[in-house]
């Protein structure tokens, strides 16, 4: 049966979706980091640097891709629960982390958490279950025949 017809995903599809989302997140977060630091004249807080961004986000999203696959395969309505879970985690991260920091860092982390949370919650499930994206040979043959 075609994976897209059941709205399920394969592990390879989930990993590819995670990697693509991780690269998108890395570029968006690096751009946001650069422009926010320029606008806010933020030179301290050197923890968030481009090298860390480009290593951490693809790795994080690969791990989240595996979590997505496991939730879809093992839990009824796993895709919906995955989306809700990561939206809630994003909101908790915003509330807890932001209240502890100064104003300049607050804006930087708020943007990074929002970008990351929205990509994990919305784009990763879309890419991992889209009927035409990341098709394997069997799926491609089935779609060409119909």
Protein backbone atom coordinates (compact mmCIF):
# COMPACT_ATOMS: atom_id res chain seq x y z
CA UNK A 1 0.00 0.00 0.00
CA UNK A 2 1.22 3.47 -0.82
CA UNK A 3 2.58 5.30 2.23
CA UNK A 4 0.95 8.58 1.28
CA UNK A 5 -2.47 6.94 1.00
CA UNK A 6 -2.35 5.98 4.67
CA UNK A 7 -0.73 9.25 5.81
CA UNK A 8 2.05 7.18 7.32
CA UNK A 9 5.69 7.77 6.70
CA UNK A 10 8.83 5.71 6.46
CA UNK A 11 11.92 6.17 8.60
CA UNK A 12 13.96 7.36 5.63
CA UNK A 13 11.29 9.88 4.69
CA UNK A 14 11.13 11.17 8.27
CA UNK A 15 14.92 11.48 8.43
CA UNK A 16 15.08 13.33 5.11
CA UNK A 17 12.29 15.65 6.23
CA UNK A 18 14.18 16.24 9.48
CA UNK A 19 17.42 16.98 7.65
CA UNK A 20 15.78 19.39 5.19
CA UNK A 21 13.92 21.16 8.01
CA UNK A 22 17.13 21.30 10.03
CA UNK A 23 19.00 22.97 7.19
CA UNK A 24 16.14 25.44 6.64
CA UNK A 25 16.09 26.16 10.39
CA UNK A 26 19.85 26.65 10.43
CA UNK A 27 19.74 29.20 7.61
CA UNK A 28 16.71 31.03 9.03
CA UNK A 29 18.15 31.10 12.56
CA UNK A 30 21.58 32.21 11.35
CA UNK A 31 19.98 35.02 9.35
CA UNK A 32 17.77 36.02 12.26
CA UNK A 33 20.78 35.87 14.61
CA UNK A 34 22.85 38.08 12.32
CA UNK A 35 20.18 40.72 11.69
CA UNK A 36 18.91 40.79 15.28
CA UNK A 37 22.42 41.26 16.65
CA UNK A 38 22.99 44.14 14.23
CA UNK A 39 19.65 45.81 15.05
CA UNK A 40 19.94 45.36 18.83
CA UNK A 41 23.69 46.04 18.91
CA UNK A 42 24.10 42.77 20.78
CA UNK A 43 27.73 41.74 21.02
CA UNK A 44 27.63 39.68 24.20
CA UNK A 45 26.12 36.22 24.63
CA UNK A 46 28.41 34.45 22.20
CA UNK A 47 26.85 31.04 22.83
CA UNK A 48 24.64 31.33 19.75
CA UNK A 49 27.15 31.43 16.91
CA UNK A 50 26.78 30.35 13.26
CA UNK A 51 28.99 27.28 13.70
CA UNK A 52 26.84 26.03 16.56
CA UNK A 53 23.67 26.82 14.62
CA UNK A 54 24.77 24.87 11.54
CA UNK A 55 25.82 21.83 13.59
CA UNK A 56 23.06 21.78 16.18
CA UNK A 57 19.89 22.40 14.18
CA UNK A 58 20.29 19.67 11.54
CA UNK A 59 21.20 17.19 14.29
CA UNK A 60 18.25 18.29 16.44
CA UNK A 61 15.86 17.96 13.52
CA UNK A 62 17.17 14.47 12.64
CA UNK A 63 16.37 13.38 16.19
CA UNK A 64 12.95 15.00 15.96
CA UNK A 65 12.39 13.20 12.63
CA UNK A 66 12.92 9.89 14.42
CA UNK A 67 10.50 10.96 17.16
CA UNK A 68 7.95 11.89 14.49
CA UNK A 69 8.31 8.50 12.79
CA UNK A 70 7.87 6.64 16.07
CA UNK A 71 4.81 8.69 17.03
CA UNK A 72 3.14 8.20 13.64
CA UNK A 73 3.86 4.46 13.64
CA UNK A 74 2.96 3.67 17.24
CA UNK A 75 0.28 6.14 18.31
CA UNK A 76 -3.16 6.63 16.84
CA UNK A 77 -3.33 10.21 15.49
CA UNK A 78 0.42 10.41 16.03
CA UNK A 79 0.88 13.24 13.54
CA UNK A 80 -1.67 15.43 15.31
CA UNK A 81 -0.24 14.61 18.74
CA UNK A 82 3.27 15.36 17.47
CA UNK A 83 2.17 18.78 16.23
CA UNK A 84 0.34 19.60 19.46
CA UNK A 85 3.22 18.34 21.62
CA UNK A 86 5.84 20.46 19.88
CA UNK A 87 3.62 23.56 19.76
CA UNK A 88 3.11 23.21 23.53
CA UNK A 89 6.85 22.66 24.06
CA UNK A 90 7.52 25.79 22.00
CA UNK A 91 5.14 27.84 24.16
CA UNK A 92 6.62 26.44 27.38
CA UNK A 93 10.11 27.25 26.11
CA UNK A 94 9.06 30.80 25.35
CA UNK A 95 7.43 31.32 28.73
CA UNK A 96 10.14 29.71 30.87
CA UNK A 97 13.29 30.76 29.05
CA UNK A 98 12.31 34.29 28.18
CA UNK A 99 11.23 35.29 31.67
CA UNK A 100 14.69 34.51 33.05
CA UNK A 101 16.78 36.63 30.69
CA UNK A 102 17.49 40.26 29.89
CA UNK A 103 15.68 42.18 27.16
CA UNK A 104 18.37 41.91 24.47
CA UNK A 105 18.78 38.16 24.78
CA UNK A 106 15.04 37.75 25.18
CA UNK A 107 14.37 38.93 21.64
CA UNK A 108 17.10 36.75 20.16
CA UNK A 109 15.93 33.57 21.86
CA UNK A 110 12.27 34.34 21.20
CA UNK A 111 12.90 34.41 17.46
CA UNK A 112 15.02 31.27 17.51
CA UNK A 113 12.45 29.35 19.57
CA UNK A 114 9.61 30.50 17.30
CA UNK A 115 11.42 29.60 14.09
CA UNK A 116 12.48 26.22 15.42
CA UNK A 117 9.13 25.37 17.02
CA UNK A 118 7.07 26.27 13.97
CA UNK A 119 9.32 24.34 11.60
CA UNK A 120 9.23 21.25 13.83
CA UNK A 121 5.48 21.44 14.40
CA UNK A 122 4.30 22.31 10.91
CA UNK A 123 6.89 21.80 8.18
CA UNK A 124 8.42 18.51 9.33
CA UNK A 125 5.09 16.60 9.43
CA UNK A 126 4.13 18.10 6.07
CA UNK A 127 7.36 17.04 4.38
CA UNK A 128 7.44 13.61 6.01
CA UNK A 129 3.92 12.69 4.85
CA UNK A 130 3.59 14.61 1.57
CA UNK A 131 2.67 12.20 -1.24
CA UNK A 132 5.21 13.50 -3.77
CA UNK A 133 8.19 14.55 -1.65
CA UNK A 134 10.97 12.04 -0.79
CA UNK A 135 9.30 9.18 -2.67
CA UNK A 136 11.16 5.89 -2.88
CA UNK A 137 11.31 3.84 -6.10
CA UNK A 138 8.18 1.81 -5.29
CA UNK A 139 6.12 4.91 -4.54
CA UNK A 140 7.43 6.63 -7.65
CA UNK A 141 6.44 3.63 -9.81
CA UNK A 142 2.96 3.53 -8.27
CA UNK A 143 2.41 7.24 -8.87
CA UNK A 144 3.66 6.98 -12.48
CA UNK A 145 1.22 4.13 -13.20
CA UNK A 146 -1.82 6.04 -11.95
